[in-house]
Amino acid sequence: QPPSRPTTPKEADLNRPERMGKLKDAMLQVCEALAYIHGHGLVHRDLKPSNIMVDDDRQVRLMDFGLAKFLADDAGITADGKLVGTYRYMAPEQILGEPLDGRADLYSLGVILYELMSGRPPFDAKTPHELWRQVLETEPPPLLALNLHGDPQLARVAHRLIRKEPDDRFQTAEEVYEALSE
């Protein structure tokens, strides 16, 4: 039971039924696309809002596979040791330079969903170092504390997707799809 206070204009806008329907539909399509690429042994490694395009027919397309890697390839760092990906959406294991699998993309999807539901990222800092510290060491504010009238099911999915340990997240895009379809 969320605390009772009037809905803020921002929350009213974030929670518009039409927007929530489009959001859920787009998330389901992203899950289908991730299931496809993960099923073919690829990890996107740079999932972020600007790499998710929606056309006039509301068909979602994943873009920019420039950082995608086959799972059989090496870890998530480039040959010269530089981190790749966009910091705000990077999974903890990507920040640490550990080998990646599809769960890193699912973490990024969780950050996107958190932002879409709250109007802000789960972690926010002025420098990459401070952002990485937050991602690795702190818990984000509960979504339903930022958006009291947000969809509890979507909030649960987002929080599970952004857990620190890959084993604590959804394990496949298909599992996320099922959770969003409930």
N, C-alpha and C. Protein backbone atom coordinates (compact mmCIF):
# COMPACT_ATOMS: atom_id res chain seq x y z
N GLN A 1 0.86 -1.18 0.00
CA GLN A 1 0.00 0.00 0.00
C GLN A 1 0.90 1.24 0.00
N PRO A 2 0.94 1.99 -1.15
CA PRO A 2 1.79 3.19 -1.18
C PRO A 2 1.24 4.26 -0.24
N PRO A 3 2.14 5.09 0.30
CA PRO A 3 1.67 6.18 1.16
C PRO A 3 0.68 7.04 0.37
N SER A 4 -0.28 7.62 1.10
CA SER A 4 -1.26 8.43 0.37
C SER A 4 -0.82 9.88 0.38
N ARG A 5 -0.61 10.41 -0.78
CA ARG A 5 -0.40 11.83 -0.99
C ARG A 5 -0.88 12.08 -2.41
N PRO A 6 -1.20 13.31 -2.73
CA PRO A 6 -1.71 13.57 -4.09
C PRO A 6 -0.65 13.21 -5.13
N THR A 7 -1.11 12.83 -6.29
CA THR A 7 -0.23 12.53 -7.40
C THR A 7 0.41 13.84 -7.88
N THR A 8 1.72 13.83 -8.07
CA THR A 8 2.38 15.03 -8.61
C THR A 8 2.13 15.09 -10.12
N PRO A 9 2.25 16.27 -10.73
CA PRO A 9 2.08 16.35 -12.20
C PRO A 9 3.04 15.42 -12.94
N LYS A 10 4.29 15.33 -12.44
CA LYS A 10 5.27 14.45 -13.09
C LYS A 10 4.80 13.00 -13.04
N GLU A 11 4.33 12.55 -11.85
CA GLU A 11 3.84 11.17 -11.72
C GLU A 11 2.64 10.93 -12.62
N ALA A 12 1.73 11.89 -12.66
CA ALA A 12 0.55 11.75 -13.50
C ALA A 12 0.97 11.55 -14.95
N ASP A 13 2.00 12.29 -15.39
CA ASP A 13 2.48 12.16 -16.76
C ASP A 13 3.16 10.81 -16.95
N LEU A 14 4.03 10.42 -16.01
CA LEU A 14 4.74 9.14 -16.11
C LEU A 14 3.78 7.95 -16.13
N ASN A 15 2.67 8.06 -15.40
CA ASN A 15 1.77 6.92 -15.21
C ASN A 15 0.53 6.95 -16.11
N ARG A 16 0.49 7.86 -17.09
CA ARG A 16 -0.65 7.90 -18.01
C ARG A 16 -0.89 6.50 -18.58
N PRO A 17 -2.11 5.98 -18.55
CA PRO A 17 -2.37 4.63 -19.05
C PRO A 17 -1.87 4.40 -20.47
N GLU A 18 -2.05 5.38 -21.34
CA GLU A 18 -1.58 5.21 -22.73
C GLU A 18 -0.06 5.05 -22.76
N ARG A 19 0.66 5.88 -21.97
CA ARG A 19 2.12 5.79 -21.92
C ARG A 19 2.54 4.44 -21.36
N MET A 20 1.88 3.98 -20.29
CA MET A 20 2.26 2.71 -19.68
C MET A 20 2.03 1.54 -20.64
N GLY A 21 0.95 1.60 -21.42
CA GLY A 21 0.70 0.56 -22.41
C GLY A 21 1.79 0.50 -23.47
N LYS A 22 2.19 1.67 -23.95
CA LYS A 22 3.26 1.74 -24.96
C LYS A 22 4.58 1.28 -24.36
N LEU A 23 4.84 1.69 -23.11
CA LEU A 23 6.08 1.31 -22.44
C LEU A 23 6.18 -0.22 -22.30
N LYS A 24 5.09 -0.83 -21.83
CA LYS A 24 5.11 -2.28 -21.64
C LYS A 24 5.28 -3.00 -22.98
N ASP A 25 4.58 -2.53 -24.00
CA ASP A 25 4.69 -3.14 -25.33
C ASP A 25 6.13 -3.02 -25.85
N ALA A 26 6.74 -1.85 -25.71
CA ALA A 26 8.11 -1.67 -26.17
C ALA A 26 9.07 -2.57 -25.40
N MET A 27 8.88 -2.68 -24.07
CA MET A 27 9.74 -3.55 -23.26
C MET A 27 9.62 -5.01 -23.70
N LEU A 28 8.40 -5.45 -24.00
CA LEU A 28 8.20 -6.82 -24.47
C LEU A 28 8.94 -7.05 -25.79
N GLN A 29 8.88 -6.07 -26.68
CA GLN A 29 9.58 -6.20 -27.96
C GLN A 29 11.10 -6.21 -27.77
N VAL A 30 11.60 -5.39 -26.84
CA VAL A 30 13.04 -5.40 -26.56
C VAL A 30 13.44 -6.77 -26.02
N CYS A 31 12.60 -7.34 -25.15
CA CYS A 31 12.89 -8.69 -24.63
C CYS A 31 12.96 -9.71 -25.76
N GLU A 32 12.03 -9.61 -26.72
CA GLU A 32 12.06 -10.54 -27.86
C GLU A 32 13.36 -10.38 -28.66
N ALA A 33 13.77 -9.13 -28.88
CA ALA A 33 15.00 -8.88 -29.63
C ALA A 33 16.22 -9.40 -28.87
N LEU A 34 16.26 -9.16 -27.56
CA LEU A 34 17.39 -9.66 -26.76
C LEU A 34 17.40 -11.19 -26.73
N ALA A 35 16.23 -11.79 -26.61
CA ALA A 35 16.17 -13.27 -26.63
C ALA A 35 16.76 -13.78 -27.94
N TYR A 36 16.45 -13.10 -29.03
CA TYR A 36 16.96 -13.51 -30.35
C TYR A 36 18.48 -13.40 -30.41
N ILE A 37 19.02 -12.22 -30.04
CA ILE A 37 20.48 -12.08 -30.17
C ILE A 37 21.21 -12.96 -29.16
N HIS A 38 20.70 -13.05 -27.94
CA HIS A 38 21.34 -13.91 -26.94
C HIS A 38 21.29 -15.36 -27.40
N GLY A 39 20.18 -15.76 -28.02
CA GLY A 39 20.04 -17.11 -28.54
C GLY A 39 21.02 -17.42 -29.66
N HIS A 40 21.54 -16.37 -30.28
CA HIS A 40 22.54 -16.54 -31.34
C HIS A 40 23.96 -16.26 -30.82
N GLY A 41 24.10 -16.26 -29.49
CA GLY A 41 25.44 -16.14 -28.91
C GLY A 41 26.00 -14.73 -28.86
N LEU A 42 25.14 -13.72 -29.00
CA LEU A 42 25.62 -12.33 -28.96
C LEU A 42 25.18 -11.64 -27.68
N VAL A 43 26.01 -10.70 -27.22
CA VAL A 43 25.65 -9.78 -26.15
C VAL A 43 25.77 -8.38 -26.76
N HIS A 44 24.75 -7.54 -26.60
CA HIS A 44 24.77 -6.20 -27.21
C HIS A 44 25.86 -5.33 -26.58
N ARG A 45 25.92 -5.29 -25.26
CA ARG A 45 26.93 -4.57 -24.46
C ARG A 45 26.78 -3.05 -24.44
N ASP A 46 25.82 -2.48 -25.16
CA ASP A 46 25.66 -1.03 -25.14
C ASP A 46 24.18 -0.68 -25.26
N LEU A 47 23.34 -1.43 -24.53
CA LEU A 47 21.91 -1.16 -24.57
C LEU A 47 21.62 0.12 -23.79
N LYS A 48 20.99 1.07 -24.45
CA LYS A 48 20.63 2.36 -23.85
C LYS A 48 19.50 2.93 -24.68
N PRO A 49 18.80 3.94 -24.16
CA PRO A 49 17.63 4.47 -24.88
C PRO A 49 17.92 4.87 -26.33
N SER A 50 19.07 5.47 -26.58
CA SER A 50 19.35 5.93 -27.95
C SER A 50 19.61 4.77 -28.91
N ASN A 51 19.76 3.55 -28.39
CA ASN A 51 19.94 2.37 -29.25
C ASN A 51 18.66 1.55 -29.37
N ILE A 52 17.55 2.10 -28.89
CA ILE A 52 16.25 1.46 -29.04
C ILE A 52 15.37 2.42 -29.85
N MET A 53 15.06 2.04 -31.07
CA MET A 53 14.27 2.90 -31.95
C MET A 53 12.86 2.31 -32.09
N VAL A 54 11.87 3.19 -32.14
CA VAL A 54 10.48 2.77 -32.34
C VAL A 54 9.98 3.49 -33.59
N ASP A 55 9.50 2.72 -34.57
CA ASP A 55 9.03 3.34 -35.82
C ASP A 55 7.56 3.75 -35.72
N ASP A 56 7.03 4.28 -36.80
CA ASP A 56 5.65 4.78 -36.81
C ASP A 56 4.63 3.69 -36.51
N ASP A 57 4.97 2.45 -36.82
CA ASP A 57 4.07 1.32 -36.55
C ASP A 57 4.30 0.72 -35.15
N ARG A 58 5.08 1.42 -34.34
CA ARG A 58 5.42 1.01 -32.98
C ARG A 58 6.22 -0.29 -32.94
N GLN A 59 6.97 -0.56 -34.02
CA GLN A 59 7.88 -1.69 -34.04
C GLN A 59 9.20 -1.24 -33.43
N VAL A 60 9.69 -2.00 -32.46
CA VAL A 60 10.93 -1.65 -31.77
C VAL A 60 12.11 -2.32 -32.48
N ARG A 61 13.17 -1.57 -32.64
CA ARG A 61 14.38 -2.11 -33.26
C ARG A 61 15.58 -1.77 -32.39
N LEU A 62 16.41 -2.77 -32.15
CA LEU A 62 17.67 -2.53 -31.45
C LEU A 62 18.68 -2.06 -32.48
N MET A 63 19.41 -1.00 -32.13
CA MET A 63 20.37 -0.40 -33.05
C MET A 63 21.78 -0.51 -32.48
N ASP A 64 22.74 -0.14 -33.33
CA ASP A 64 24.13 0.04 -32.94
C ASP A 64 24.72 -1.20 -32.29
N PHE A 65 25.04 -2.16 -33.13
CA PHE A 65 25.69 -3.38 -32.64
C PHE A 65 27.21 -3.27 -32.72
N GLY A 66 27.72 -2.04 -32.74
CA GLY A 66 29.16 -1.82 -32.85
C GLY A 66 29.95 -2.43 -31.71
N LEU A 67 29.34 -2.55 -30.53
CA LEU A 67 30.04 -3.13 -29.39
C LEU A 67 29.62 -4.57 -29.12
N ALA A 68 28.70 -5.10 -29.92
CA ALA A 68 28.22 -6.47 -29.70
C ALA A 68 29.39 -7.44 -29.84
N LYS A 69 29.36 -8.47 -29.02
CA LYS A 69 30.41 -9.49 -29.07
C LYS A 69 29.79 -10.86 -28.99
N PHE A 70 30.43 -11.79 -29.68
CA PHE A 70 30.02 -13.18 -29.49
C PHE A 70 30.48 -13.62 -28.11
N LEU A 71 29.64 -14.41 -27.46
CA LEU A 71 29.98 -14.88 -26.11
C LEU A 71 31.28 -15.66 -26.11
N ALA A 72 31.62 -16.26 -27.23
CA ALA A 72 32.85 -17.05 -27.30
C ALA A 72 34.09 -16.15 -27.30
N ASP A 73 33.89 -14.86 -27.63
CA ASP A 73 35.03 -13.92 -27.61
C ASP A 73 35.46 -13.66 -26.17
N ASP A 74 36.45 -12.80 -26.03
CA ASP A 74 37.01 -12.53 -24.71
C ASP A 74 36.12 -11.61 -23.88
N ALA A 75 36.66 -11.15 -22.76
CA ALA A 75 35.90 -10.37 -21.76
C ALA A 75 35.42 -9.03 -22.31
N GLY A 76 34.80 -8.23 -21.42
CA GLY A 76 34.15 -6.99 -21.81
C GLY A 76 35.05 -5.79 -21.94
N ILE A 77 36.36 -5.99 -22.09
CA ILE A 77 37.24 -4.84 -22.30
C ILE A 77 37.89 -4.97 -23.66
N THR A 78 38.29 -3.84 -24.22
CA THR A 78 38.91 -3.84 -25.54
C THR A 78 40.37 -4.26 -25.40
N ALA A 79 41.02 -4.44 -26.55
CA ALA A 79 42.42 -4.91 -26.56
C ALA A 79 43.34 -3.98 -25.77
N ASP A 80 43.07 -2.66 -25.81
CA ASP A 80 43.95 -1.74 -25.08
C ASP A 80 43.46 -1.48 -23.65
N GLY A 81 42.51 -2.29 -23.19
CA GLY A 81 42.10 -2.23 -21.79
C GLY A 81 41.04 -1.18 -21.49
N LYS A 82 40.49 -0.53 -22.50
CA LYS A 82 39.47 0.50 -22.25
C LYS A 82 38.09 -0.15 -22.06
N LEU A 83 37.33 0.39 -21.12
CA LEU A 83 35.96 -0.06 -20.94
C LEU A 83 35.12 0.41 -22.12
N VAL A 84 34.17 -0.42 -22.51
CA VAL A 84 33.25 -0.02 -23.57
C VAL A 84 31.84 0.05 -23.01
N GLY A 85 30.96 0.68 -23.75
CA GLY A 85 29.58 0.81 -23.29
C GLY A 85 29.36 2.18 -22.70
N THR A 86 28.13 2.51 -22.43
CA THR A 86 27.79 3.80 -21.88
C THR A 86 27.64 3.64 -20.37
N TYR A 87 28.42 4.40 -19.62
CA TYR A 87 28.58 4.18 -18.18
C TYR A 87 27.29 4.00 -17.41
N ARG A 88 26.31 4.87 -17.63
CA ARG A 88 25.10 4.84 -16.81
C ARG A 88 24.37 3.51 -16.92
N TYR A 89 24.52 2.82 -18.05
CA TYR A 89 23.77 1.59 -18.31
C TYR A 89 24.61 0.33 -18.12
N MET A 90 25.87 0.50 -17.69
CA MET A 90 26.77 -0.65 -17.55
C MET A 90 26.45 -1.48 -16.32
N ALA A 91 26.43 -2.79 -16.52
CA ALA A 91 26.26 -3.72 -15.41
C ALA A 91 27.52 -3.73 -14.55
N PRO A 92 27.37 -4.07 -13.27
CA PRO A 92 28.56 -4.13 -12.40
C PRO A 92 29.68 -4.99 -12.99
N GLU A 93 29.32 -6.14 -13.56
CA GLU A 93 30.35 -7.04 -14.09
C GLU A 93 31.05 -6.42 -15.31
N GLN A 94 30.36 -5.53 -16.03
CA GLN A 94 30.98 -4.85 -17.17
C GLN A 94 31.96 -3.80 -16.67
N ILE A 95 31.59 -3.07 -15.63
CA ILE A 95 32.48 -2.08 -15.01
C ILE A 95 33.75 -2.75 -14.52
N LEU A 96 33.60 -3.96 -13.96
CA LEU A 96 34.74 -4.69 -13.40
C LEU A 96 35.57 -5.41 -14.47
N GLY A 97 35.13 -5.35 -15.72
CA GLY A 97 35.88 -5.99 -16.80
C GLY A 97 35.78 -7.50 -16.80
N GLU A 98 34.73 -8.03 -16.18
CA GLU A 98 34.54 -9.47 -16.13
C GLU A 98 33.89 -9.95 -17.42
N PRO A 99 34.00 -11.27 -17.70
CA PRO A 99 33.31 -11.79 -18.88
C PRO A 99 31.81 -11.54 -18.78
N LEU A 100 31.20 -11.22 -19.92
CA LEU A 100 29.78 -10.86 -19.94
C LEU A 100 28.94 -11.92 -20.62
N ASP A 101 27.69 -11.98 -20.19
CA ASP A 101 26.69 -12.76 -20.92
C ASP A 101 25.45 -11.90 -21.04
N GLY A 102 24.36 -12.48 -21.48
CA GLY A 102 23.14 -11.73 -21.73
C GLY A 102 22.60 -11.01 -20.52
N ARG A 103 22.98 -11.46 -19.32
CA ARG A 103 22.47 -10.80 -18.11
C ARG A 103 22.98 -9.37 -17.98
N ALA A 104 24.11 -9.04 -18.62
CA ALA A 104 24.59 -7.65 -18.62
C ALA A 104 23.62 -6.77 -19.42
N ASP A 105 23.12 -7.29 -20.54
CA ASP A 105 22.11 -6.54 -21.31
C ASP A 105 20.83 -6.40 -20.51
N LEU A 106 20.47 -7.42 -19.73
CA LEU A 106 19.25 -7.35 -18.92
C LEU A 106 19.40 -6.29 -17.83
N TYR A 107 20.60 -6.15 -17.27
CA TYR A 107 20.86 -5.08 -16.30
C TYR A 107 20.59 -3.72 -16.97
N SER A 108 21.14 -3.53 -18.16
CA SER A 108 20.94 -2.26 -18.89
C SER A 108 19.46 -2.01 -19.13
N LEU A 109 18.72 -3.06 -19.48
CA LEU A 109 17.28 -2.93 -19.68
C LEU A 109 16.61 -2.47 -18.38
N GLY A 110 17.08 -2.97 -17.24
CA GLY A 110 16.54 -2.57 -15.94
C GLY A 110 16.77 -1.09 -15.66
N VAL A 111 17.95 -0.59 -16.02
CA VAL A 111 18.25 0.84 -15.82
C VAL A 111 17.30 1.67 -16.67
N ILE A 112 17.08 1.24 -17.92
CA ILE A 112 16.17 1.96 -18.82
C ILE A 112 14.76 1.96 -18.24
N LEU A 113 14.28 0.80 -17.79
CA LEU A 113 12.93 0.70 -17.23
C LEU A 113 12.80 1.57 -15.97
N TYR A 114 13.83 1.56 -15.12
CA TYR A 114 13.83 2.39 -13.91
C TYR A 114 13.68 3.86 -14.30
N GLU A 115 14.46 4.29 -15.29
CA GLU A 115 14.39 5.69 -15.74
C GLU A 115 13.02 6.03 -16.30
N LEU A 116 12.46 5.13 -17.09
CA LEU A 116 11.15 5.39 -17.70
C LEU A 116 10.05 5.48 -16.65
N MET A 117 10.22 4.77 -15.54
CA MET A 117 9.20 4.79 -14.50
C MET A 117 9.36 5.93 -13.50
N SER A 118 10.60 6.39 -13.31
CA SER A 118 10.84 7.39 -12.27
C SER A 118 11.22 8.77 -12.81
N GLY A 119 11.62 8.83 -14.07
CA GLY A 119 12.08 10.09 -14.63
C GLY A 119 13.51 10.43 -14.26
N ARG A 120 14.21 9.45 -13.63
CA ARG A 120 15.62 9.67 -13.26
C ARG A 120 16.34 8.33 -13.26
N PRO A 121 17.67 8.34 -13.41
CA PRO A 121 18.41 7.07 -13.38
C PRO A 121 18.52 6.53 -11.96
N PRO A 122 18.75 5.22 -11.82
CA PRO A 122 18.90 4.65 -10.48
C PRO A 122 20.15 5.17 -9.77
N PHE A 123 21.18 5.47 -10.54
CA PHE A 123 22.43 5.99 -9.99
C PHE A 123 22.80 7.22 -10.81
N ASP A 124 23.22 8.27 -10.10
CA ASP A 124 23.54 9.51 -10.80
C ASP A 124 24.74 10.14 -10.11
N ALA A 125 25.74 10.48 -10.91
CA ALA A 125 26.97 11.05 -10.34
C ALA A 125 27.61 11.97 -11.36
N LYS A 126 28.53 12.80 -10.88
CA LYS A 126 29.19 13.77 -11.77
C LYS A 126 30.35 13.16 -12.55
N THR A 127 30.95 12.09 -12.01
CA THR A 127 32.10 11.49 -12.68
C THR A 127 31.85 9.99 -12.88
N PRO A 128 32.50 9.40 -13.90
CA PRO A 128 32.37 7.95 -14.08
C PRO A 128 32.80 7.18 -12.83
N HIS A 129 33.87 7.61 -12.18
CA HIS A 129 34.35 6.90 -10.98
C HIS A 129 33.29 6.85 -9.89
N GLU A 130 32.64 8.00 -9.64
CA GLU A 130 31.60 8.06 -8.61
C GLU A 130 30.39 7.22 -9.02
N LEU A 131 30.04 7.26 -10.31
CA LEU A 131 28.93 6.45 -10.80
C LEU A 131 29.23 4.96 -10.59
N TRP A 132 30.45 4.54 -10.94
CA TRP A 132 30.82 3.13 -10.78
C TRP A 132 30.76 2.72 -9.31
N ARG A 133 31.22 3.61 -8.43
CA ARG A 133 31.16 3.31 -7.00
C ARG A 133 29.71 3.06 -6.57
N GLN A 134 28.82 3.94 -7.02
CA GLN A 134 27.40 3.77 -6.67
C GLN A 134 26.85 2.46 -7.22
N VAL A 135 27.13 2.18 -8.50
CA VAL A 135 26.62 0.95 -9.13
C VAL A 135 27.12 -0.28 -8.37
N LEU A 136 28.37 -0.25 -7.96
CA LEU A 136 28.97 -1.42 -7.31
C LEU A 136 28.62 -1.54 -5.83
N GLU A 137 28.33 -0.41 -5.14
CA GLU A 137 28.25 -0.44 -3.68
C GLU A 137 26.93 0.00 -3.07
N THR A 138 26.09 0.70 -3.81
CA THR A 138 24.87 1.24 -3.18
C THR A 138 23.61 0.69 -3.84
N GLU A 139 22.51 0.80 -3.13
CA GLU A 139 21.21 0.40 -3.68
C GLU A 139 20.49 1.65 -4.18
N PRO A 140 19.80 1.54 -5.31
CA PRO A 140 19.06 2.70 -5.81
C PRO A 140 17.83 2.98 -4.94
N PRO A 141 17.31 4.20 -4.97
CA PRO A 141 16.07 4.48 -4.24
C PRO A 141 14.95 3.57 -4.77
N PRO A 142 14.07 3.10 -3.89
CA PRO A 142 12.95 2.29 -4.37
C PRO A 142 12.11 3.09 -5.37
N LEU A 143 11.83 2.46 -6.50
CA LEU A 143 11.06 3.13 -7.55
C LEU A 143 9.74 3.69 -7.04
N LEU A 144 9.05 2.91 -6.21
CA LEU A 144 7.73 3.36 -5.76
C LEU A 144 7.82 4.43 -4.68
N ALA A 145 9.03 4.74 -4.22
CA ALA A 145 9.21 5.91 -3.36
C ALA A 145 9.35 7.16 -4.23
N LEU A 146 9.89 7.00 -5.43
CA LEU A 146 10.04 8.12 -6.37
C LEU A 146 8.76 8.37 -7.15
N ASN A 147 8.02 7.30 -7.39
CA ASN A 147 6.77 7.37 -8.16
C ASN A 147 5.73 6.55 -7.40
N LEU A 148 5.08 7.19 -6.44
CA LEU A 148 4.18 6.48 -5.52
C LEU A 148 3.07 5.72 -6.23
N HIS A 149 2.67 6.20 -7.39
CA HIS A 149 1.54 5.58 -8.09
C HIS A 149 2.00 4.80 -9.31
N GLY A 150 3.29 4.43 -9.31
CA GLY A 150 3.83 3.64 -10.41
C GLY A 150 3.30 2.21 -10.38
N ASP A 151 3.49 1.52 -11.48
CA ASP A 151 3.04 0.14 -11.62
C ASP A 151 3.94 -0.77 -10.77
N PRO A 152 3.38 -1.42 -9.72
CA PRO A 152 4.21 -2.25 -8.83
C PRO A 152 4.89 -3.41 -9.55
N GLN A 153 4.21 -4.00 -10.53
CA GLN A 153 4.80 -5.12 -11.28
C GLN A 153 6.03 -4.65 -12.06
N LEU A 154 5.92 -3.52 -12.75
CA LEU A 154 7.06 -2.99 -13.51
C LEU A 154 8.20 -2.61 -12.56
N ALA A 155 7.85 -2.06 -11.41
CA ALA A 155 8.87 -1.69 -10.43
C ALA A 155 9.62 -2.94 -9.95
N ARG A 156 8.90 -4.02 -9.66
CA ARG A 156 9.55 -5.28 -9.24
C ARG A 156 10.50 -5.80 -10.31
N VAL A 157 10.04 -5.76 -11.57
CA VAL A 157 10.88 -6.23 -12.68
C VAL A 157 12.14 -5.37 -12.77
N ALA A 158 11.98 -4.04 -12.72
CA ALA A 158 13.14 -3.14 -12.82
C ALA A 158 14.14 -3.40 -11.71
N HIS A 159 13.66 -3.52 -10.47
CA HIS A 159 14.58 -3.73 -9.35
C HIS A 159 15.31 -5.07 -9.45
N ARG A 160 14.62 -6.10 -9.93
CA ARG A 160 15.30 -7.40 -10.07
C ARG A 160 16.35 -7.34 -11.19
N LEU A 161 16.06 -6.59 -12.24
CA LEU A 161 17.01 -6.48 -13.35
C LEU A 161 18.29 -5.75 -12.94
N ILE A 162 18.20 -4.83 -11.98
CA ILE A 162 19.40 -4.04 -11.64
C ILE A 162 20.09 -4.54 -10.37
N ARG A 163 19.87 -5.79 -10.02
CA ARG A 163 20.61 -6.36 -8.88
C ARG A 163 22.08 -6.45 -9.24
N LYS A 164 22.92 -6.33 -8.20
CA LYS A 164 24.37 -6.29 -8.40
C LYS A 164 24.91 -7.59 -9.00
N GLU A 165 24.44 -8.72 -8.46
CA GLU A 165 24.95 -10.03 -8.88
C GLU A 165 24.13 -10.57 -10.05
N PRO A 166 24.79 -10.95 -11.15
CA PRO A 166 24.04 -11.50 -12.29
C PRO A 166 23.13 -12.68 -11.89
N ASP A 167 23.56 -13.50 -10.95
CA ASP A 167 22.76 -14.66 -10.53
C ASP A 167 21.47 -14.25 -9.83
N ASP A 168 21.40 -13.01 -9.33
CA ASP A 168 20.20 -12.53 -8.63
C ASP A 168 19.18 -11.88 -9.58
N ARG A 169 19.59 -11.67 -10.83
CA ARG A 169 18.71 -11.05 -11.82
C ARG A 169 17.87 -12.12 -12.51
N PHE A 170 16.96 -11.67 -13.37
CA PHE A 170 16.37 -12.60 -14.32
C PHE A 170 17.53 -13.18 -15.11
N GLN A 171 17.43 -14.44 -15.50
CA GLN A 171 18.55 -15.09 -16.18
C GLN A 171 18.46 -14.99 -17.69
N THR A 172 17.25 -14.80 -18.22
CA THR A 172 17.07 -14.70 -19.67
C THR A 172 16.05 -13.62 -20.00
N ALA A 173 16.13 -13.14 -21.24
CA ALA A 173 15.15 -12.16 -21.71
C ALA A 173 13.75 -12.79 -21.75
N GLU A 174 13.68 -14.10 -21.97
CA GLU A 174 12.39 -14.79 -21.97
C GLU A 174 11.74 -14.70 -20.59
N GLU A 175 12.56 -14.84 -19.52
CA GLU A 175 12.01 -14.71 -18.15
C GLU A 175 11.46 -13.30 -17.91
N VAL A 176 12.16 -12.30 -18.41
CA VAL A 176 11.70 -10.91 -18.26
C VAL A 176 10.38 -10.74 -19.01
N TYR A 177 10.32 -11.28 -20.22
CA TYR A 177 9.10 -11.20 -21.03
C TYR A 177 7.93 -11.80 -20.26
N GLU A 178 8.13 -12.98 -19.67
CA GLU A 178 7.06 -13.64 -18.91
C GLU A 178 6.64 -12.78 -17.72
N ALA A 179 7.61 -12.20 -17.01
CA ALA A 179 7.29 -11.36 -15.84
C ALA A 179 6.50 -10.11 -16.26
N LEU A 180 6.83 -9.55 -17.40
CA LEU A 180 6.13 -8.36 -17.89
C LEU A 180 4.74 -8.70 -18.42
N SER A 181 4.54 -9.97 -18.79
CA SER A 181 3.27 -10.40 -19.37
C SER A 181 2.25 -10.81 -18.32
N GLU A 182 2.68 -10.97 -17.06
CA GLU A 182 1.79 -11.45 -16.00
C GLU A 182 0.63 -10.49 -15.76
